Amino acid sequence: MDADTPHGSPVRLEPWSEDDFELLRAMNAPELMEHLGGPETEEALVKRHRRYVDLSAERTGAGRMFRIVLLPEEVAVGGIGFWQQTLDGEPVYETGWTVLPGFQGRGVASAATRAVAELARAERTHRFLHAFPSTGNGPSNAVCRKAGFELLGPRELEYPPGTPLSCNDWRLELHTGGQALEG
């Protein structure tokens, strides 16, 4: 089943599936992992793939992972998702994406980010969706701006765990504070 995609969007989001492991392997290229601590081991990729498949199957408000399908070509060009996170003691959604090199610079990541924000909004679980691109990752910071996120400023996180990451905290309001939300 395909996720709803805004009319006129150059992409469609499809739930991550067992068949997407080779896409994940392609997304693990050194140039794509440069701002995330470098490529993961094969063992780590297998674990990540299992988490993505499980997250997409659960449908519990915990989030979802998707492959990004470029239209009209109907080719998988990357991945995106949203998942629960606790930030400063508050439950939020976090998002992250990867677009394969041959498809970057075409608005794919911005369109996919807008689409995933709508899916996170439809969950009616958390008020905010955050993204944390490295401060040195100009293209990902531009995606946040183009997708309507508000820059809250720099923040130090750990990614991968145990490794300091200087990133920007971008936030998109999914619901106003007065609306009743679960969780």
N, C-alpha and C. Protein backbone atom coordinates (compact mmCIF):
# COMPACT_ATOMS: atom_id res chain seq x y z
N MET A 1 0.85 -1.19 0.00
CA MET A 1 0.00 0.00 0.00
C MET A 1 0.89 1.24 0.00
N ASP A 2 0.58 2.20 -0.83
CA ASP A 2 1.36 3.42 -0.92
C ASP A 2 0.85 4.44 0.08
N ALA A 3 1.78 5.24 0.57
CA ALA A 3 1.40 6.35 1.45
C ALA A 3 0.79 7.44 0.57
N ASP A 4 -0.12 8.21 1.12
CA ASP A 4 -0.68 9.32 0.38
C ASP A 4 0.42 10.33 0.09
N THR A 5 0.46 10.80 -1.14
CA THR A 5 1.47 11.75 -1.56
C THR A 5 0.76 12.96 -2.14
N PRO A 6 1.20 14.18 -1.77
CA PRO A 6 0.54 15.38 -2.28
C PRO A 6 0.51 15.39 -3.81
N HIS A 7 -0.61 15.86 -4.36
CA HIS A 7 -0.77 15.96 -5.82
C HIS A 7 0.35 16.82 -6.40
N GLY A 8 0.91 16.36 -7.47
CA GLY A 8 1.96 17.12 -8.13
C GLY A 8 3.34 16.89 -7.55
N SER A 9 3.46 16.08 -6.51
CA SER A 9 4.76 15.82 -5.91
C SER A 9 5.59 14.94 -6.84
N PRO A 10 6.89 15.16 -6.87
CA PRO A 10 7.75 14.31 -7.71
C PRO A 10 8.07 12.96 -7.06
N VAL A 11 7.51 12.71 -5.89
CA VAL A 11 7.82 11.46 -5.18
C VAL A 11 6.56 10.82 -4.61
N ARG A 12 6.68 9.53 -4.33
CA ARG A 12 5.68 8.78 -3.59
C ARG A 12 6.44 8.06 -2.48
N LEU A 13 5.85 8.01 -1.30
CA LEU A 13 6.45 7.27 -0.19
C LEU A 13 5.76 5.93 -0.08
N GLU A 14 6.57 4.86 0.00
CA GLU A 14 6.05 3.51 0.15
C GLU A 14 6.66 2.90 1.41
N PRO A 15 5.87 2.18 2.20
CA PRO A 15 6.40 1.60 3.43
C PRO A 15 7.65 0.75 3.17
N TRP A 16 8.62 0.90 4.05
CA TRP A 16 9.86 0.13 3.96
C TRP A 16 9.51 -1.35 4.08
N SER A 17 10.14 -2.19 3.27
CA SER A 17 9.81 -3.61 3.27
C SER A 17 11.06 -4.47 3.29
N GLU A 18 10.85 -5.75 3.43
CA GLU A 18 11.95 -6.72 3.39
C GLU A 18 12.79 -6.57 2.13
N ASP A 19 12.16 -6.16 1.03
CA ASP A 19 12.84 -6.06 -0.26
C ASP A 19 13.76 -4.84 -0.37
N ASP A 20 13.82 -4.00 0.65
CA ASP A 20 14.57 -2.74 0.55
C ASP A 20 15.99 -2.79 1.11
N PHE A 21 16.49 -3.99 1.41
CA PHE A 21 17.84 -4.06 1.99
C PHE A 21 18.91 -3.53 1.04
N GLU A 22 18.80 -3.82 -0.25
CA GLU A 22 19.81 -3.33 -1.20
C GLU A 22 19.76 -1.81 -1.31
N LEU A 23 18.58 -1.22 -1.17
CA LEU A 23 18.46 0.24 -1.14
C LEU A 23 19.19 0.79 0.08
N LEU A 24 19.00 0.15 1.22
CA LEU A 24 19.70 0.58 2.44
C LEU A 24 21.21 0.46 2.26
N ARG A 25 21.65 -0.60 1.63
CA ARG A 25 23.09 -0.78 1.37
C ARG A 25 23.60 0.36 0.48
N ALA A 26 22.84 0.73 -0.54
CA ALA A 26 23.24 1.84 -1.42
C ALA A 26 23.27 3.16 -0.65
N MET A 27 22.36 3.32 0.30
CA MET A 27 22.30 4.54 1.11
C MET A 27 23.44 4.61 2.13
N ASN A 28 24.18 3.53 2.29
CA ASN A 28 25.28 3.45 3.25
C ASN A 28 26.61 3.86 2.61
N ALA A 29 26.58 4.44 1.42
CA ALA A 29 27.79 4.85 0.71
C ALA A 29 28.54 5.92 1.52
N PRO A 30 29.88 5.89 1.46
CA PRO A 30 30.67 6.86 2.23
C PRO A 30 30.24 8.31 2.03
N GLU A 31 29.96 8.73 0.79
CA GLU A 31 29.60 10.12 0.55
C GLU A 31 28.24 10.49 1.14
N LEU A 32 27.38 9.49 1.37
CA LEU A 32 26.07 9.75 1.97
C LEU A 32 26.12 9.69 3.49
N MET A 33 27.13 9.02 4.03
CA MET A 33 27.26 8.86 5.48
C MET A 33 28.31 9.80 6.08
N GLU A 34 28.86 10.67 5.25
CA GLU A 34 29.93 11.58 5.67
C GLU A 34 29.57 12.38 6.92
N HIS A 35 28.34 12.85 7.01
CA HIS A 35 27.92 13.69 8.14
C HIS A 35 27.32 12.87 9.29
N LEU A 36 27.35 11.55 9.17
CA LEU A 36 26.73 10.68 10.17
C LEU A 36 27.71 9.66 10.74
N GLY A 37 28.98 9.99 10.75
CA GLY A 37 29.96 9.11 11.35
C GLY A 37 30.51 8.04 10.42
N GLY A 38 30.20 8.09 9.14
CA GLY A 38 30.72 7.12 8.17
C GLY A 38 29.81 5.92 7.99
N PRO A 39 30.13 5.10 7.00
CA PRO A 39 29.30 3.92 6.70
C PRO A 39 29.22 2.96 7.88
N GLU A 40 28.10 2.27 7.96
CA GLU A 40 27.88 1.26 8.99
C GLU A 40 28.41 -0.09 8.51
N THR A 41 28.69 -0.95 9.45
CA THR A 41 29.10 -2.32 9.12
C THR A 41 27.91 -3.08 8.56
N GLU A 42 28.19 -4.21 7.93
CA GLU A 42 27.11 -5.05 7.40
C GLU A 42 26.18 -5.50 8.52
N GLU A 43 26.75 -5.85 9.67
CA GLU A 43 25.94 -6.27 10.82
C GLU A 43 25.01 -5.14 11.27
N ALA A 44 25.53 -3.92 11.33
CA ALA A 44 24.71 -2.78 11.73
C ALA A 44 23.61 -2.51 10.70
N LEU A 45 23.93 -2.69 9.41
CA LEU A 45 22.92 -2.50 8.36
C LEU A 45 21.78 -3.50 8.49
N VAL A 46 22.12 -4.75 8.79
CA VAL A 46 21.10 -5.78 8.97
C VAL A 46 20.17 -5.39 10.12
N LYS A 47 20.74 -4.92 11.21
CA LYS A 47 19.92 -4.49 12.36
C LYS A 47 19.06 -3.29 12.02
N ARG A 48 19.63 -2.32 11.30
CA ARG A 48 18.88 -1.12 10.90
C ARG A 48 17.71 -1.53 9.99
N HIS A 49 17.99 -2.39 9.03
CA HIS A 49 16.94 -2.85 8.12
C HIS A 49 15.80 -3.51 8.90
N ARG A 50 16.12 -4.33 9.87
CA ARG A 50 15.10 -4.99 10.69
C ARG A 50 14.27 -3.95 11.43
N ARG A 51 14.94 -2.92 12.01
CA ARG A 51 14.20 -1.86 12.71
C ARG A 51 13.26 -1.13 11.75
N TYR A 52 13.74 -0.84 10.55
CA TYR A 52 12.92 -0.14 9.56
C TYR A 52 11.70 -0.97 9.18
N VAL A 53 11.90 -2.25 8.90
CA VAL A 53 10.79 -3.13 8.53
C VAL A 53 9.79 -3.22 9.68
N ASP A 54 10.30 -3.43 10.89
CA ASP A 54 9.41 -3.54 12.05
C ASP A 54 8.65 -2.25 12.30
N LEU A 55 9.32 -1.11 12.20
CA LEU A 55 8.67 0.17 12.43
C LEU A 55 7.55 0.40 11.41
N SER A 56 7.80 0.03 10.18
CA SER A 56 6.79 0.23 9.14
C SER A 56 5.60 -0.71 9.29
N ALA A 57 5.82 -1.84 9.91
CA ALA A 57 4.74 -2.83 10.06
C ALA A 57 3.87 -2.55 11.28
N GLU A 58 4.40 -1.89 12.31
CA GLU A 58 3.70 -1.75 13.59
C GLU A 58 2.47 -0.86 13.52
N ARG A 59 2.57 0.30 12.90
CA ARG A 59 1.45 1.25 12.81
C ARG A 59 0.84 1.56 14.17
N THR A 60 1.70 1.86 15.14
CA THR A 60 1.24 2.13 16.50
C THR A 60 1.40 3.59 16.90
N GLY A 61 1.76 4.45 15.98
CA GLY A 61 2.06 5.83 16.34
C GLY A 61 3.52 6.02 16.70
N ALA A 62 4.31 4.93 16.65
CA ALA A 62 5.73 5.01 16.98
C ALA A 62 6.53 5.60 15.83
N GLY A 63 5.92 5.72 14.65
CA GLY A 63 6.60 6.25 13.48
C GLY A 63 6.54 5.26 12.35
N ARG A 64 7.21 5.62 11.25
CA ARG A 64 7.24 4.75 10.07
C ARG A 64 8.47 5.07 9.26
N MET A 65 8.89 4.09 8.49
CA MET A 65 9.99 4.27 7.55
C MET A 65 9.46 4.01 6.15
N PHE A 66 10.03 4.74 5.16
CA PHE A 66 9.57 4.64 3.78
C PHE A 66 10.73 4.63 2.81
N ARG A 67 10.51 4.00 1.67
CA ARG A 67 11.41 4.20 0.53
C ARG A 67 10.82 5.37 -0.25
N ILE A 68 11.68 6.17 -0.83
CA ILE A 68 11.26 7.31 -1.65
C ILE A 68 11.28 6.83 -3.10
N VAL A 69 10.13 6.93 -3.74
CA VAL A 69 10.00 6.51 -5.14
C VAL A 69 9.85 7.76 -6.00
N LEU A 70 10.76 7.92 -6.96
CA LEU A 70 10.74 9.07 -7.85
C LEU A 70 9.71 8.84 -8.95
N LEU A 71 8.89 9.87 -9.21
CA LEU A 71 7.86 9.81 -10.25
C LEU A 71 8.27 10.70 -11.42
N PRO A 72 7.96 10.37 -12.62
CA PRO A 72 7.20 9.21 -13.06
C PRO A 72 8.07 7.97 -13.29
N GLU A 73 9.36 8.07 -12.96
CA GLU A 73 10.29 6.97 -13.25
C GLU A 73 9.97 5.68 -12.50
N GLU A 74 9.29 5.81 -11.33
CA GLU A 74 8.94 4.64 -10.51
C GLU A 74 10.20 3.90 -10.04
N VAL A 75 11.20 4.67 -9.63
CA VAL A 75 12.44 4.08 -9.14
C VAL A 75 12.69 4.53 -7.70
N ALA A 76 13.13 3.59 -6.86
CA ALA A 76 13.46 3.92 -5.46
C ALA A 76 14.77 4.70 -5.44
N VAL A 77 14.73 5.89 -4.84
CA VAL A 77 15.90 6.78 -4.86
C VAL A 77 16.41 7.14 -3.48
N GLY A 78 15.82 6.56 -2.43
CA GLY A 78 16.28 6.88 -1.08
C GLY A 78 15.28 6.42 -0.04
N GLY A 79 15.51 6.89 1.18
CA GLY A 79 14.65 6.53 2.29
C GLY A 79 14.40 7.72 3.20
N ILE A 80 13.28 7.67 3.90
CA ILE A 80 12.90 8.72 4.83
C ILE A 80 11.97 8.10 5.87
N GLY A 81 11.90 8.71 7.03
CA GLY A 81 10.98 8.22 8.03
C GLY A 81 10.81 9.21 9.16
N PHE A 82 9.99 8.79 10.12
CA PHE A 82 9.84 9.55 11.36
C PHE A 82 9.67 8.54 12.47
N TRP A 83 10.18 8.88 13.65
CA TRP A 83 10.16 7.97 14.79
C TRP A 83 10.08 8.79 16.06
N GLN A 84 9.64 8.13 17.12
CA GLN A 84 9.51 8.80 18.42
C GLN A 84 10.89 9.06 19.03
N GLN A 85 10.97 10.18 19.71
CA GLN A 85 12.21 10.60 20.37
C GLN A 85 11.81 11.44 21.58
N THR A 86 12.64 11.46 22.59
CA THR A 86 12.43 12.38 23.71
C THR A 86 13.48 13.46 23.60
N LEU A 87 13.03 14.70 23.59
CA LEU A 87 13.92 15.84 23.44
C LEU A 87 13.63 16.82 24.57
N ASP A 88 14.61 17.07 25.39
CA ASP A 88 14.44 17.98 26.53
C ASP A 88 13.26 17.56 27.40
N GLY A 89 13.09 16.25 27.55
CA GLY A 89 12.04 15.71 28.40
C GLY A 89 10.66 15.65 27.75
N GLU A 90 10.54 16.07 26.51
CA GLU A 90 9.25 16.08 25.81
C GLU A 90 9.25 15.06 24.68
N PRO A 91 8.13 14.32 24.50
CA PRO A 91 8.05 13.40 23.37
C PRO A 91 7.82 14.17 22.07
N VAL A 92 8.60 13.82 21.06
CA VAL A 92 8.51 14.44 19.73
C VAL A 92 8.73 13.35 18.69
N TYR A 93 8.50 13.70 17.45
CA TYR A 93 8.95 12.87 16.34
C TYR A 93 10.25 13.46 15.81
N GLU A 94 11.12 12.59 15.34
CA GLU A 94 12.33 12.99 14.63
C GLU A 94 12.23 12.44 13.22
N THR A 95 12.80 13.15 12.27
CA THR A 95 12.84 12.67 10.90
C THR A 95 14.26 12.69 10.37
N GLY A 96 14.50 11.87 9.38
CA GLY A 96 15.78 11.84 8.70
C GLY A 96 15.59 11.21 7.33
N TRP A 97 16.47 11.51 6.40
CA TRP A 97 16.32 11.05 5.03
C TRP A 97 17.68 10.85 4.39
N THR A 98 17.68 10.09 3.32
CA THR A 98 18.85 9.93 2.45
C THR A 98 18.33 9.81 1.03
N VAL A 99 18.94 10.57 0.12
CA VAL A 99 18.64 10.47 -1.31
C VAL A 99 19.93 10.08 -2.02
N LEU A 100 19.84 9.07 -2.88
CA LEU A 100 21.01 8.58 -3.60
C LEU A 100 21.61 9.69 -4.47
N PRO A 101 22.95 9.69 -4.64
CA PRO A 101 23.64 10.78 -5.33
C PRO A 101 23.09 11.15 -6.70
N GLY A 102 22.75 10.21 -7.52
CA GLY A 102 22.27 10.54 -8.86
C GLY A 102 20.93 11.25 -8.90
N PHE A 103 20.27 11.37 -7.74
CA PHE A 103 18.93 11.97 -7.70
C PHE A 103 18.89 13.21 -6.81
N GLN A 104 20.02 13.63 -6.31
CA GLN A 104 20.08 14.82 -5.46
C GLN A 104 19.99 16.08 -6.32
N GLY A 105 19.56 17.18 -5.70
CA GLY A 105 19.48 18.45 -6.40
C GLY A 105 18.26 18.59 -7.29
N ARG A 106 17.28 17.69 -7.12
CA ARG A 106 16.07 17.70 -7.96
C ARG A 106 14.81 17.93 -7.13
N GLY A 107 14.96 18.30 -5.85
CA GLY A 107 13.80 18.55 -5.00
C GLY A 107 13.20 17.30 -4.38
N VAL A 108 13.87 16.17 -4.55
CA VAL A 108 13.36 14.89 -4.04
C VAL A 108 13.28 14.91 -2.52
N ALA A 109 14.36 15.30 -1.85
CA ALA A 109 14.39 15.28 -0.38
C ALA A 109 13.37 16.26 0.20
N SER A 110 13.25 17.44 -0.39
CA SER A 110 12.28 18.42 0.12
C SER A 110 10.86 17.91 -0.04
N ALA A 111 10.54 17.32 -1.19
CA ALA A 111 9.19 16.79 -1.42
C ALA A 111 8.91 15.63 -0.47
N ALA A 112 9.90 14.75 -0.28
CA ALA A 112 9.71 13.61 0.62
C ALA A 112 9.56 14.08 2.06
N THR A 113 10.28 15.12 2.45
CA THR A 113 10.19 15.64 3.82
C THR A 113 8.82 16.26 4.05
N ARG A 114 8.30 17.00 3.09
CA ARG A 114 6.95 17.56 3.23
C ARG A 114 5.92 16.42 3.33
N ALA A 115 6.10 15.38 2.53
CA ALA A 115 5.16 14.25 2.55
C ALA A 115 5.22 13.50 3.88
N VAL A 116 6.42 13.28 4.40
CA VAL A 116 6.54 12.54 5.67
C VAL A 116 6.00 13.38 6.82
N ALA A 117 6.13 14.70 6.73
CA ALA A 117 5.57 15.57 7.77
C ALA A 117 4.05 15.44 7.80
N GLU A 118 3.43 15.33 6.63
CA GLU A 118 1.97 15.15 6.59
C GLU A 118 1.57 13.81 7.20
N LEU A 119 2.36 12.78 6.97
CA LEU A 119 2.06 11.47 7.55
C LEU A 119 2.24 11.50 9.07
N ALA A 120 3.28 12.20 9.54
CA ALA A 120 3.48 12.34 10.99
C ALA A 120 2.33 13.14 11.60
N ARG A 121 1.90 14.18 10.91
CA ARG A 121 0.77 15.00 11.38
C ARG A 121 -0.49 14.15 11.50
N ALA A 122 -0.71 13.26 10.54
CA ALA A 122 -1.91 12.41 10.53
C ALA A 122 -1.93 11.43 11.70
N GLU A 123 -0.78 11.12 12.28
CA GLU A 123 -0.74 10.23 13.44
C GLU A 123 -1.37 10.89 14.67
N ARG A 124 -1.37 12.21 14.72
CA ARG A 124 -1.95 12.98 15.83
C ARG A 124 -1.40 12.52 17.18
N THR A 125 -0.09 12.29 17.20
CA THR A 125 0.55 11.79 18.41
C THR A 125 1.43 12.84 19.08
N HIS A 126 2.26 13.51 18.32
CA HIS A 126 3.19 14.50 18.88
C HIS A 126 2.99 15.86 18.22
N ARG A 127 3.30 16.89 18.98
CA ARG A 127 3.12 18.26 18.50
C ARG A 127 4.18 18.67 17.49
N PHE A 128 5.42 18.16 17.67
CA PHE A 128 6.53 18.63 16.85
C PHE A 128 7.24 17.50 16.13
N LEU A 129 7.77 17.83 14.96
CA LEU A 129 8.67 16.99 14.18
C LEU A 129 10.00 17.73 14.11
N HIS A 130 11.07 17.06 14.53
CA HIS A 130 12.40 17.67 14.51
C HIS A 130 13.29 16.97 13.50
N ALA A 131 14.25 17.72 12.98
CA ALA A 131 15.32 17.17 12.15
C ALA A 131 16.63 17.73 12.68
N PHE A 132 17.68 16.92 12.62
CA PHE A 132 18.97 17.31 13.20
C PHE A 132 20.12 17.12 12.22
N PRO A 133 20.12 17.84 11.09
CA PRO A 133 21.25 17.70 10.17
C PRO A 133 22.52 18.30 10.77
N SER A 134 23.63 17.70 10.44
CA SER A 134 24.93 18.23 10.85
C SER A 134 25.04 19.69 10.42
N THR A 135 25.70 20.50 11.24
CA THR A 135 25.86 21.92 10.88
C THR A 135 26.62 22.07 9.57
N GLY A 136 27.45 21.09 9.23
CA GLY A 136 28.23 21.15 7.99
C GLY A 136 27.51 20.59 6.78
N ASN A 137 26.28 20.12 6.94
CA ASN A 137 25.55 19.52 5.83
C ASN A 137 24.58 20.55 5.24
N GLY A 138 25.12 21.40 4.39
CA GLY A 138 24.33 22.46 3.78
C GLY A 138 23.08 21.98 3.06
N PRO A 139 23.17 20.93 2.22
CA PRO A 139 21.97 20.48 1.51
C PRO A 139 20.85 20.01 2.45
N SER A 140 21.17 19.28 3.51
CA SER A 140 20.11 18.82 4.43
C SER A 140 19.52 19.96 5.23
N ASN A 141 20.34 20.94 5.58
CA ASN A 141 19.80 22.12 6.25
C ASN A 141 18.87 22.89 5.31
N ALA A 142 19.21 22.95 4.02
CA ALA A 142 18.35 23.61 3.03
C ALA A 142 17.02 22.86 2.87
N VAL A 143 17.05 21.53 2.95
CA VAL A 143 15.82 20.74 2.87
C VAL A 143 14.88 21.15 4.00
N CYS A 144 15.43 21.28 5.20
CA CYS A 144 14.60 21.67 6.34
C CYS A 144 13.94 23.02 6.10
N ARG A 145 14.73 23.98 5.63
CA ARG A 145 14.20 25.31 5.37
C ARG A 145 13.11 25.25 4.30
N LYS A 146 13.37 24.54 3.20
CA LYS A 146 12.40 24.45 2.10
C LYS A 146 11.13 23.71 2.51
N ALA A 147 11.24 22.80 3.46
CA ALA A 147 10.08 22.03 3.91
C ALA A 147 9.29 22.75 5.00
N GLY A 148 9.72 23.96 5.37
CA GLY A 148 8.94 24.76 6.30
C GLY A 148 9.31 24.61 7.77
N PHE A 149 10.44 23.97 8.07
CA PHE A 149 10.90 23.83 9.45
C PHE A 149 11.45 25.16 9.94
N GLU A 150 11.39 25.37 11.24
CA GLU A 150 11.95 26.55 11.90
C GLU A 150 13.29 26.17 12.51
N LEU A 151 14.32 26.97 12.26
CA LEU A 151 15.64 26.72 12.84
C LEU A 151 15.66 27.21 14.28
N LEU A 152 15.84 26.26 15.21
CA LEU A 152 15.92 26.62 16.62
C LEU A 152 17.34 26.95 17.04
N GLY A 153 18.32 26.46 16.29
CA GLY A 153 19.72 26.77 16.58
C GLY A 153 20.57 25.53 16.66
N PRO A 154 21.86 25.73 16.95
CA PRO A 154 22.78 24.59 17.03
C PRO A 154 22.52 23.75 18.29
N ARG A 155 22.91 22.50 18.20
CA ARG A 155 22.69 21.56 19.30
C ARG A 155 23.74 20.47 19.20
N GLU A 156 24.21 20.01 20.33
CA GLU A 156 25.16 18.89 20.36
C GLU A 156 24.40 17.61 20.68
N LEU A 157 24.51 16.62 19.81
CA LEU A 157 23.90 15.32 20.03
C LEU A 157 24.99 14.26 19.90
N GLU A 158 24.62 13.02 20.11
CA GLU A 158 25.53 11.91 19.86
C GLU A 158 24.98 11.07 18.73
N TYR A 159 25.75 10.95 17.65
CA TYR A 159 25.37 10.05 16.57
C TYR A 159 26.60 9.73 15.74
N PRO A 160 26.89 8.46 15.59
CA PRO A 160 26.26 7.35 16.30
C PRO A 160 26.51 7.46 17.80
N PRO A 161 25.77 6.67 18.61
CA PRO A 161 25.93 6.78 20.07
C PRO A 161 27.41 6.76 20.49
N GLY A 162 27.74 7.73 21.35
CA GLY A 162 29.11 7.86 21.82
C GLY A 162 29.95 8.80 20.99
N THR A 163 29.43 9.25 19.85
CA THR A 163 30.17 10.16 18.97
C THR A 163 29.48 11.51 18.94
N PRO A 164 30.16 12.58 19.39
CA PRO A 164 29.53 13.91 19.39
C PRO A 164 29.22 14.36 17.97
N LEU A 165 28.06 14.99 17.80
CA LEU A 165 27.64 15.52 16.51
C LEU A 165 27.12 16.93 16.71
N SER A 166 27.74 17.87 16.04
CA SER A 166 27.28 19.25 16.06
C SER A 166 26.24 19.39 14.95
N CYS A 167 25.01 19.66 15.35
CA CYS A 167 23.93 19.71 14.36
C CYS A 167 23.06 20.93 14.59
N ASN A 168 22.17 21.15 13.67
CA ASN A 168 21.14 22.18 13.82
C ASN A 168 19.84 21.51 14.20
N ASP A 169 19.11 22.14 15.11
CA ASP A 169 17.80 21.64 15.53
C ASP A 169 16.75 22.41 14.75
N TRP A 170 16.09 21.71 13.83
CA TRP A 170 15.01 22.26 13.03
C TRP A 170 13.71 21.67 13.54
N ARG A 171 12.67 22.48 13.66
CA ARG A 171 11.39 22.01 14.21
C ARG A 171 10.23 22.45 13.32
N LEU A 172 9.30 21.51 13.14
CA LEU A 172 8.07 21.78 12.41
C LEU A 172 6.90 21.47 13.33
N GLU A 173 6.00 22.43 13.48
CA GLU A 173 4.83 22.20 14.32
C GLU A 173 3.81 21.38 13.53
N LEU A 174 3.43 20.24 14.10
CA LEU A 174 2.44 19.35 13.49
C LEU A 174 1.03 19.71 13.93
N HIS A 175 0.91 20.16 15.18
CA HIS A 175 -0.37 20.49 15.79
C HIS A 175 -0.13 21.64 16.75
N THR A 176 -1.13 22.50 16.92
CA THR A 176 -0.99 23.56 17.91
C THR A 176 -1.15 22.96 19.31
N GLY A 177 -0.61 23.63 20.28
CA GLY A 177 -0.63 23.12 21.64
C GLY A 177 -2.01 22.89 22.23
N GLY A 178 -3.03 23.57 21.71
CA GLY A 178 -4.37 23.43 22.25
C GLY A 178 -5.11 22.19 21.78
N GLN A 179 -4.58 21.53 20.75
CA GLN A 179 -5.25 20.34 20.23
C GLN A 179 -4.92 19.13 21.09
N ALA A 180 -5.92 18.31 21.37
CA ALA A 180 -5.71 17.10 22.17
C ALA A 180 -4.93 16.09 21.34
N LEU A 181 -3.86 15.59 21.93
CA LEU A 181 -3.02 14.59 21.27
C LEU A 181 -2.87 13.40 22.20
N GLU A 182 -2.62 12.26 21.58
CA GLU A 182 -2.32 11.07 22.39
C GLU A 182 -0.87 11.13 22.81
N GLY A 183 -0.52 10.33 23.82
CA GLY A 183 0.89 10.18 24.23
C GLY A 183 1.45 11.36 24.84
